[in-house]
Amino acid sequence: MPTITGTPVPGAIRVSRALLIAVAVSHLVVPLVLWANENALRTQIATRYPGFGQAEVERSAAVAIESGAVFHGILLVLCVVPAWKLATGQRWTRRLTTATQLLSLVLSVFSWTSSPMFHAVIPVVGLAQVVLVVLLWVPRPSREFFA
């Protein structure tokens, strides 16, 4: 796949884009899983906060689902746009991708501590994020592509 300038996109960049799309899919799936498992989420909240009444548990679950949808929706956009633009070879796309993926990785600690629902997925997505950032910066063809 050539860029705007006609330069072929290095394999490491193509793999990074594929990983970025996979991470984007995870951000699409998380709110859906939260919504589909709302009862389990309520149970987790009631267990964690035994002093909460039923209304407070309901409200907390709704807030968790809504805020998760907004948060992961933003991260979804911050994966899709760079995945689409990385092939242009513009430096800002590599910097944006790096910043958003590393920030997302740091913020995944919040997801880890807030609910065990995604404990199996968080390390896998985190590893994909680290690998894709490394592929953007380490291989010589990647560095030359963005030079």
N, C-alpha and C. Protein backbone atom coordinates (compact mmCIF):
# COMPACT_ATOMS: atom_id res chain seq x y z
N MET A 1 0.85 -1.18 0.00
CA MET A 1 0.00 0.00 0.00
C MET A 1 0.88 1.23 0.00
N PRO A 2 0.90 1.99 -1.07
CA PRO A 2 1.73 3.19 -1.12
C PRO A 2 1.10 4.35 -0.35
N THR A 3 1.94 5.28 0.07
CA THR A 3 1.46 6.48 0.74
C THR A 3 1.11 7.51 -0.31
N ILE A 4 0.79 8.70 0.15
CA ILE A 4 0.50 9.81 -0.75
C ILE A 4 1.71 10.09 -1.63
N THR A 5 2.89 9.92 -1.07
CA THR A 5 4.13 10.20 -1.83
C THR A 5 4.53 9.03 -2.71
N GLY A 6 3.84 7.92 -2.62
CA GLY A 6 4.16 6.75 -3.44
C GLY A 6 5.13 5.79 -2.78
N THR A 7 5.61 6.10 -1.59
CA THR A 7 6.52 5.23 -0.86
C THR A 7 5.74 4.05 -0.28
N PRO A 8 6.25 2.84 -0.47
CA PRO A 8 5.55 1.68 0.12
C PRO A 8 5.54 1.77 1.66
N VAL A 9 4.46 1.31 2.24
CA VAL A 9 4.33 1.30 3.70
C VAL A 9 5.09 0.08 4.23
N PRO A 10 6.06 0.31 5.13
CA PRO A 10 6.82 -0.82 5.68
C PRO A 10 5.92 -1.83 6.41
N GLY A 11 6.37 -3.06 6.44
CA GLY A 11 5.62 -4.12 7.09
C GLY A 11 5.33 -3.82 8.55
N ALA A 12 6.28 -3.24 9.27
CA ALA A 12 6.07 -2.92 10.68
C ALA A 12 4.92 -1.93 10.86
N ILE A 13 4.79 -1.00 9.93
CA ILE A 13 3.70 -0.02 10.00
C ILE A 13 2.37 -0.71 9.69
N ARG A 14 2.38 -1.60 8.73
CA ARG A 14 1.15 -2.34 8.41
C ARG A 14 0.70 -3.18 9.60
N VAL A 15 1.66 -3.83 10.27
CA VAL A 15 1.32 -4.62 11.46
C VAL A 15 0.81 -3.70 12.57
N SER A 16 1.44 -2.54 12.75
CA SER A 16 0.98 -1.58 13.76
C SER A 16 -0.45 -1.14 13.49
N ARG A 17 -0.75 -0.90 12.24
CA ARG A 17 -2.12 -0.50 11.87
C ARG A 17 -3.11 -1.61 12.20
N ALA A 18 -2.73 -2.86 11.91
CA ALA A 18 -3.61 -3.99 12.21
C ALA A 18 -3.82 -4.12 13.72
N LEU A 19 -2.75 -3.95 14.49
CA LEU A 19 -2.87 -4.01 15.95
C LEU A 19 -3.74 -2.86 16.46
N LEU A 20 -3.60 -1.71 15.85
CA LEU A 20 -4.40 -0.55 16.25
C LEU A 20 -5.89 -0.81 15.99
N ILE A 21 -6.19 -1.46 14.88
CA ILE A 21 -7.59 -1.82 14.60
C ILE A 21 -8.08 -2.84 15.62
N ALA A 22 -7.24 -3.80 15.99
CA ALA A 22 -7.63 -4.78 17.01
C ALA A 22 -7.90 -4.09 18.35
N VAL A 23 -7.05 -3.13 18.72
CA VAL A 23 -7.27 -2.38 19.95
C VAL A 23 -8.57 -1.57 19.84
N ALA A 24 -8.82 -1.00 18.67
CA ALA A 24 -10.06 -0.24 18.45
C ALA A 24 -11.28 -1.14 18.66
N VAL A 25 -11.21 -2.35 18.15
CA VAL A 25 -12.32 -3.30 18.33
C VAL A 25 -12.54 -3.57 19.82
N SER A 26 -11.46 -3.69 20.57
CA SER A 26 -11.62 -3.92 22.01
C SER A 26 -12.34 -2.75 22.67
N HIS A 27 -12.05 -1.53 22.21
CA HIS A 27 -12.73 -0.36 22.77
C HIS A 27 -14.20 -0.30 22.36
N LEU A 28 -14.52 -0.91 21.26
CA LEU A 28 -15.92 -1.01 20.83
C LEU A 28 -16.66 -2.06 21.64
N VAL A 29 -15.97 -3.14 21.97
CA VAL A 29 -16.60 -4.28 22.65
C VAL A 29 -16.82 -4.02 24.14
N VAL A 30 -15.93 -3.31 24.78
CA VAL A 30 -16.01 -3.13 26.24
C VAL A 30 -17.36 -2.56 26.69
N PRO A 31 -17.83 -1.45 26.12
CA PRO A 31 -19.14 -0.95 26.57
C PRO A 31 -20.28 -1.93 26.30
N LEU A 32 -20.18 -2.67 25.21
CA LEU A 32 -21.22 -3.66 24.90
C LEU A 32 -21.23 -4.77 25.94
N VAL A 33 -20.04 -5.20 26.35
CA VAL A 33 -19.94 -6.24 27.37
C VAL A 33 -20.46 -5.71 28.71
N LEU A 34 -20.11 -4.48 29.04
CA LEU A 34 -20.62 -3.89 30.28
C LEU A 34 -22.15 -3.86 30.27
N TRP A 35 -22.71 -3.41 29.15
CA TRP A 35 -24.17 -3.32 29.04
C TRP A 35 -24.80 -4.71 29.11
N ALA A 36 -24.21 -5.68 28.42
CA ALA A 36 -24.77 -7.04 28.41
C ALA A 36 -24.65 -7.72 29.77
N ASN A 37 -23.68 -7.31 30.57
CA ASN A 37 -23.44 -7.91 31.89
C ASN A 37 -23.79 -6.95 33.02
N GLU A 38 -24.81 -6.16 32.79
CA GLU A 38 -25.20 -5.15 33.78
C GLU A 38 -25.53 -5.77 35.14
N ASN A 39 -26.16 -6.93 35.13
CA ASN A 39 -26.50 -7.59 36.41
C ASN A 39 -25.24 -7.98 37.17
N ALA A 40 -24.26 -8.52 36.46
CA ALA A 40 -22.99 -8.87 37.12
C ALA A 40 -22.30 -7.62 37.65
N LEU A 41 -22.39 -6.54 36.90
CA LEU A 41 -21.80 -5.28 37.34
C LEU A 41 -22.49 -4.78 38.61
N ARG A 42 -23.80 -4.88 38.64
CA ARG A 42 -24.54 -4.49 39.85
C ARG A 42 -24.11 -5.33 41.05
N THR A 43 -23.95 -6.63 40.82
CA THR A 43 -23.53 -7.52 41.89
C THR A 43 -22.14 -7.14 42.40
N GLN A 44 -21.24 -6.83 41.48
CA GLN A 44 -19.89 -6.41 41.87
C GLN A 44 -19.93 -5.13 42.70
N ILE A 45 -20.75 -4.18 42.28
CA ILE A 45 -20.86 -2.91 43.01
C ILE A 45 -21.46 -3.15 44.38
N ALA A 46 -22.52 -3.96 44.47
CA ALA A 46 -23.17 -4.24 45.76
C ALA A 46 -22.21 -4.95 46.71
N THR A 47 -21.38 -5.84 46.16
CA THR A 47 -20.41 -6.56 46.98
C THR A 47 -19.30 -5.64 47.47
N ARG A 48 -18.85 -4.78 46.58
CA ARG A 48 -17.75 -3.87 46.92
C ARG A 48 -18.19 -2.78 47.88
N TYR A 49 -19.45 -2.35 47.75
CA TYR A 49 -19.99 -1.27 48.58
C TYR A 49 -21.27 -1.75 49.27
N PRO A 50 -21.13 -2.53 50.33
CA PRO A 50 -22.31 -3.13 50.98
C PRO A 50 -23.26 -2.10 51.57
N GLY A 51 -22.81 -0.89 51.81
CA GLY A 51 -23.69 0.15 52.36
C GLY A 51 -24.61 0.78 51.34
N PHE A 52 -24.38 0.51 50.05
CA PHE A 52 -25.22 1.09 49.00
C PHE A 52 -26.60 0.43 49.00
N GLY A 53 -27.62 1.25 48.88
CA GLY A 53 -28.96 0.73 48.69
C GLY A 53 -29.15 0.33 47.23
N GLN A 54 -30.30 -0.27 46.95
CA GLN A 54 -30.58 -0.74 45.59
C GLN A 54 -30.52 0.40 44.57
N ALA A 55 -31.10 1.54 44.91
CA ALA A 55 -31.10 2.68 43.98
C ALA A 55 -29.68 3.16 43.70
N GLU A 56 -28.85 3.17 44.73
CA GLU A 56 -27.47 3.62 44.55
C GLU A 56 -26.67 2.63 43.70
N VAL A 57 -26.92 1.35 43.89
CA VAL A 57 -26.27 0.32 43.07
C VAL A 57 -26.70 0.48 41.61
N GLU A 58 -28.00 0.68 41.39
CA GLU A 58 -28.52 0.87 40.02
C GLU A 58 -27.88 2.09 39.37
N ARG A 59 -27.84 3.19 40.10
CA ARG A 59 -27.26 4.43 39.58
C ARG A 59 -25.76 4.27 39.30
N SER A 60 -25.06 3.60 40.18
CA SER A 60 -23.62 3.37 39.99
C SER A 60 -23.37 2.51 38.76
N ALA A 61 -24.17 1.49 38.55
CA ALA A 61 -24.02 0.64 37.36
C ALA A 61 -24.29 1.44 36.10
N ALA A 62 -25.33 2.27 36.13
CA ALA A 62 -25.64 3.10 34.96
C ALA A 62 -24.50 4.07 34.65
N VAL A 63 -23.95 4.68 35.69
CA VAL A 63 -22.83 5.61 35.50
C VAL A 63 -21.62 4.87 34.95
N ALA A 64 -21.36 3.69 35.47
CA ALA A 64 -20.21 2.90 34.99
C ALA A 64 -20.37 2.57 33.51
N ILE A 65 -21.56 2.19 33.11
CA ILE A 65 -21.79 1.83 31.70
C ILE A 65 -21.69 3.06 30.81
N GLU A 66 -22.32 4.15 31.23
CA GLU A 66 -22.29 5.38 30.42
C GLU A 66 -20.88 5.96 30.32
N SER A 67 -20.18 6.03 31.45
CA SER A 67 -18.83 6.58 31.41
C SER A 67 -17.89 5.65 30.65
N GLY A 68 -18.10 4.34 30.76
CA GLY A 68 -17.30 3.40 29.98
C GLY A 68 -17.52 3.58 28.50
N ALA A 69 -18.78 3.81 28.11
CA ALA A 69 -19.09 4.02 26.69
C ALA A 69 -18.43 5.29 26.16
N VAL A 70 -18.48 6.36 26.94
CA VAL A 70 -17.85 7.62 26.51
C VAL A 70 -16.34 7.46 26.44
N PHE A 71 -15.75 6.94 27.50
CA PHE A 71 -14.30 6.78 27.57
C PHE A 71 -13.78 5.89 26.45
N HIS A 72 -14.40 4.73 26.28
CA HIS A 72 -13.94 3.81 25.24
C HIS A 72 -14.31 4.30 23.84
N GLY A 73 -15.37 5.09 23.74
CA GLY A 73 -15.71 5.71 22.46
C GLY A 73 -14.62 6.68 22.01
N ILE A 74 -14.13 7.47 22.95
CA ILE A 74 -13.03 8.40 22.64
C ILE A 74 -11.78 7.61 22.24
N LEU A 75 -11.47 6.57 23.00
CA LEU A 75 -10.29 5.75 22.67
C LEU A 75 -10.47 5.03 21.33
N LEU A 76 -11.68 4.66 21.01
CA LEU A 76 -11.97 4.05 19.70
C LEU A 76 -11.59 5.01 18.58
N VAL A 77 -12.04 6.24 18.68
CA VAL A 77 -11.71 7.26 17.67
C VAL A 77 -10.20 7.48 17.61
N LEU A 78 -9.56 7.49 18.79
CA LEU A 78 -8.11 7.71 18.85
C LEU A 78 -7.30 6.50 18.38
N CYS A 79 -7.98 5.43 18.03
CA CYS A 79 -7.33 4.29 17.38
C CYS A 79 -7.63 4.28 15.88
N VAL A 80 -8.88 4.54 15.53
CA VAL A 80 -9.30 4.45 14.13
C VAL A 80 -8.65 5.54 13.27
N VAL A 81 -8.65 6.77 13.77
CA VAL A 81 -8.07 7.87 12.97
C VAL A 81 -6.59 7.64 12.70
N PRO A 82 -5.78 7.36 13.72
CA PRO A 82 -4.37 7.10 13.42
C PRO A 82 -4.15 5.85 12.56
N ALA A 83 -4.95 4.82 12.76
CA ALA A 83 -4.80 3.61 11.93
C ALA A 83 -5.00 3.96 10.46
N TRP A 84 -5.92 4.83 10.21
CA TRP A 84 -6.21 5.27 8.85
C TRP A 84 -5.10 6.18 8.32
N LYS A 85 -4.56 7.07 9.17
CA LYS A 85 -3.61 8.08 8.73
C LYS A 85 -2.14 7.64 8.80
N LEU A 86 -1.82 6.57 9.53
CA LEU A 86 -0.41 6.16 9.65
C LEU A 86 0.24 5.91 8.29
N ALA A 87 -0.51 5.41 7.35
CA ALA A 87 0.05 5.08 6.03
C ALA A 87 0.50 6.32 5.26
N THR A 88 0.15 7.51 5.75
CA THR A 88 0.58 8.73 5.06
C THR A 88 2.04 9.06 5.36
N GLY A 89 2.57 8.48 6.43
CA GLY A 89 3.96 8.75 6.80
C GLY A 89 4.16 10.08 7.48
N GLN A 90 3.09 10.76 7.84
CA GLN A 90 3.21 12.04 8.52
C GLN A 90 3.62 11.82 9.97
N ARG A 91 4.59 12.59 10.42
CA ARG A 91 5.15 12.39 11.76
C ARG A 91 4.11 12.52 12.87
N TRP A 92 3.17 13.44 12.71
CA TRP A 92 2.17 13.65 13.76
C TRP A 92 1.36 12.38 14.02
N THR A 93 1.18 11.56 13.00
CA THR A 93 0.39 10.34 13.20
C THR A 93 1.11 9.36 14.11
N ARG A 94 2.41 9.27 13.96
CA ARG A 94 3.18 8.37 14.83
C ARG A 94 3.20 8.90 16.26
N ARG A 95 3.37 10.22 16.41
CA ARG A 95 3.38 10.81 17.76
C ARG A 95 2.02 10.67 18.43
N LEU A 96 0.95 10.95 17.69
CA LEU A 96 -0.40 10.82 18.25
C LEU A 96 -0.68 9.37 18.65
N THR A 97 -0.34 8.44 17.78
CA THR A 97 -0.56 7.03 18.07
C THR A 97 0.21 6.61 19.31
N THR A 98 1.46 7.01 19.39
CA THR A 98 2.29 6.67 20.54
C THR A 98 1.70 7.24 21.82
N ALA A 99 1.36 8.51 21.81
CA ALA A 99 0.83 9.16 23.02
C ALA A 99 -0.48 8.52 23.45
N THR A 100 -1.38 8.30 22.51
CA THR A 100 -2.69 7.77 22.90
C THR A 100 -2.60 6.32 23.37
N GLN A 101 -1.74 5.54 22.76
CA GLN A 101 -1.64 4.13 23.17
C GLN A 101 -0.95 4.00 24.52
N LEU A 102 0.07 4.81 24.76
CA LEU A 102 0.73 4.75 26.07
C LEU A 102 -0.18 5.29 27.17
N LEU A 103 -0.93 6.36 26.86
CA LEU A 103 -1.89 6.88 27.83
C LEU A 103 -2.98 5.85 28.11
N SER A 104 -3.47 5.22 27.07
CA SER A 104 -4.49 4.18 27.24
C SER A 104 -3.97 3.03 28.09
N LEU A 105 -2.70 2.69 27.88
CA LEU A 105 -2.07 1.63 28.66
C LEU A 105 -2.03 2.00 30.15
N VAL A 106 -1.67 3.25 30.44
CA VAL A 106 -1.64 3.71 31.82
C VAL A 106 -3.05 3.72 32.42
N LEU A 107 -4.02 4.18 31.63
CA LEU A 107 -5.40 4.25 32.13
C LEU A 107 -6.03 2.87 32.31
N SER A 108 -5.46 1.86 31.68
CA SER A 108 -6.01 0.52 31.85
C SER A 108 -5.87 0.04 33.29
N VAL A 109 -4.98 0.66 34.05
CA VAL A 109 -4.85 0.34 35.47
C VAL A 109 -6.18 0.64 36.18
N PHE A 110 -6.84 1.74 35.77
CA PHE A 110 -8.14 2.08 36.35
C PHE A 110 -9.16 0.98 36.04
N SER A 111 -9.17 0.53 34.80
CA SER A 111 -10.09 -0.55 34.42
C SER A 111 -9.81 -1.81 35.22
N TRP A 112 -8.54 -2.10 35.42
CA TRP A 112 -8.13 -3.30 36.16
C TRP A 112 -8.64 -3.24 37.59
N THR A 113 -8.49 -2.09 38.22
CA THR A 113 -8.88 -1.97 39.63
C THR A 113 -10.37 -1.79 39.83
N SER A 114 -11.09 -1.34 38.81
CA SER A 114 -12.51 -1.07 38.99
C SER A 114 -13.38 -2.32 38.87
N SER A 115 -12.94 -3.31 38.10
CA SER A 115 -13.76 -4.51 37.93
C SER A 115 -12.92 -5.66 37.42
N PRO A 116 -13.17 -6.86 37.93
CA PRO A 116 -12.43 -8.02 37.42
C PRO A 116 -12.99 -8.54 36.09
N MET A 117 -14.03 -7.89 35.57
CA MET A 117 -14.71 -8.36 34.37
C MET A 117 -13.77 -8.48 33.16
N PHE A 118 -12.75 -7.62 33.10
CA PHE A 118 -11.88 -7.59 31.94
C PHE A 118 -10.44 -8.00 32.24
N HIS A 119 -10.22 -8.66 33.36
CA HIS A 119 -8.85 -9.03 33.74
C HIS A 119 -8.16 -9.91 32.70
N ALA A 120 -8.89 -10.73 31.99
CA ALA A 120 -8.27 -11.60 30.98
C ALA A 120 -7.88 -10.82 29.73
N VAL A 121 -8.57 -9.73 29.46
CA VAL A 121 -8.37 -8.99 28.21
C VAL A 121 -7.34 -7.86 28.35
N ILE A 122 -7.31 -7.21 29.48
CA ILE A 122 -6.47 -6.03 29.66
C ILE A 122 -4.99 -6.32 29.36
N PRO A 123 -4.40 -7.41 29.86
CA PRO A 123 -2.98 -7.66 29.52
C PRO A 123 -2.75 -7.91 28.03
N VAL A 124 -3.69 -8.55 27.37
CA VAL A 124 -3.55 -8.84 25.93
C VAL A 124 -3.58 -7.54 25.13
N VAL A 125 -4.54 -6.68 25.44
CA VAL A 125 -4.64 -5.39 24.75
C VAL A 125 -3.41 -4.54 25.07
N GLY A 126 -2.98 -4.55 26.32
CA GLY A 126 -1.79 -3.80 26.71
C GLY A 126 -0.55 -4.26 25.96
N LEU A 127 -0.39 -5.55 25.80
CA LEU A 127 0.74 -6.08 25.04
C LEU A 127 0.67 -5.64 23.59
N ALA A 128 -0.51 -5.67 23.00
CA ALA A 128 -0.68 -5.22 21.62
C ALA A 128 -0.30 -3.75 21.49
N GLN A 129 -0.66 -2.95 22.48
CA GLN A 129 -0.33 -1.52 22.44
C GLN A 129 1.18 -1.30 22.52
N VAL A 130 1.84 -2.03 23.38
CA VAL A 130 3.30 -1.90 23.50
C VAL A 130 3.97 -2.33 22.20
N VAL A 131 3.55 -3.46 21.66
CA VAL A 131 4.14 -3.96 20.42
C VAL A 131 3.94 -2.97 19.28
N LEU A 132 2.74 -2.41 19.15
CA LEU A 132 2.51 -1.50 18.04
C LEU A 132 3.33 -0.22 18.18
N VAL A 133 3.52 0.27 19.40
CA VAL A 133 4.37 1.46 19.59
C VAL A 133 5.82 1.13 19.26
N VAL A 134 6.30 -0.02 19.70
CA VAL A 134 7.67 -0.43 19.39
C VAL A 134 7.86 -0.54 17.87
N LEU A 135 6.87 -1.10 17.18
CA LEU A 135 6.97 -1.24 15.72
C LEU A 135 6.98 0.11 15.00
N LEU A 136 6.41 1.12 15.62
CA LEU A 136 6.43 2.46 15.02
C LEU A 136 7.77 3.16 15.17
N TRP A 137 8.55 2.79 16.19
CA TRP A 137 9.76 3.53 16.51
C TRP A 137 11.07 2.77 16.32
N VAL A 138 11.07 1.46 16.48
CA VAL A 138 12.33 0.72 16.54
C VAL A 138 12.85 0.27 15.17
N PRO A 139 12.06 -0.41 14.35
CA PRO A 139 12.63 -0.89 13.08
C PRO A 139 13.10 0.27 12.18
N ARG A 140 14.22 0.08 11.57
CA ARG A 140 14.79 1.12 10.70
C ARG A 140 13.80 1.55 9.61
N PRO A 141 13.13 0.61 8.93
CA PRO A 141 12.17 1.07 7.89
C PRO A 141 11.07 1.97 8.45
N SER A 142 10.67 1.73 9.68
CA SER A 142 9.65 2.59 10.30
C SER A 142 10.22 3.99 10.54
N ARG A 143 11.40 4.05 11.08
CA ARG A 143 12.02 5.35 11.35
C ARG A 143 12.22 6.12 10.04
N GLU A 144 12.68 5.43 9.00
CA GLU A 144 12.89 6.09 7.72
C GLU A 144 11.57 6.53 7.09
N PHE A 145 10.53 5.75 7.28
CA PHE A 145 9.22 6.07 6.73
C PHE A 145 8.69 7.39 7.27
N PHE A 146 8.95 7.65 8.56
CA PHE A 146 8.46 8.88 9.18
C PHE A 146 9.50 10.00 9.19
N ALA A 147 10.67 9.77 8.62
CA ALA A 147 11.73 10.79 8.60
C ALA A 147 11.38 11.93 7.65
